[in-house]
């Protein structure tokens, strides 16, 4: 961190294509039917955790970033979305209290 350089090994990862469709036997796969998962060296992840541990108070996430925040997950995002949809259905799209 003092040198301000990133080790060259941190700049490389292995990209694994994962099919998005559930049943690959009955549906034709296209290029858009995949998402990529990057596999990085373990030392990169260790370094990331060290940086986060040391500078966590300076690093923040937006309120709508559920997957990146401690104690929140996809189920919280689904719940919030459901609350917004329920509010719109009950009060209409122009409700003043939709996001309260």
Foldseek 3Di string as FASTA:
>chain_A
DVVPDDPPLQVDWDKDWDFQDDDCVPDPDDPVRTDIDTHGDVVNVVVVVVCCVVCVVVDDDDPQPQPVDPPGDVVVNVVLVVQLVVCCVVPNPPDPVSPD
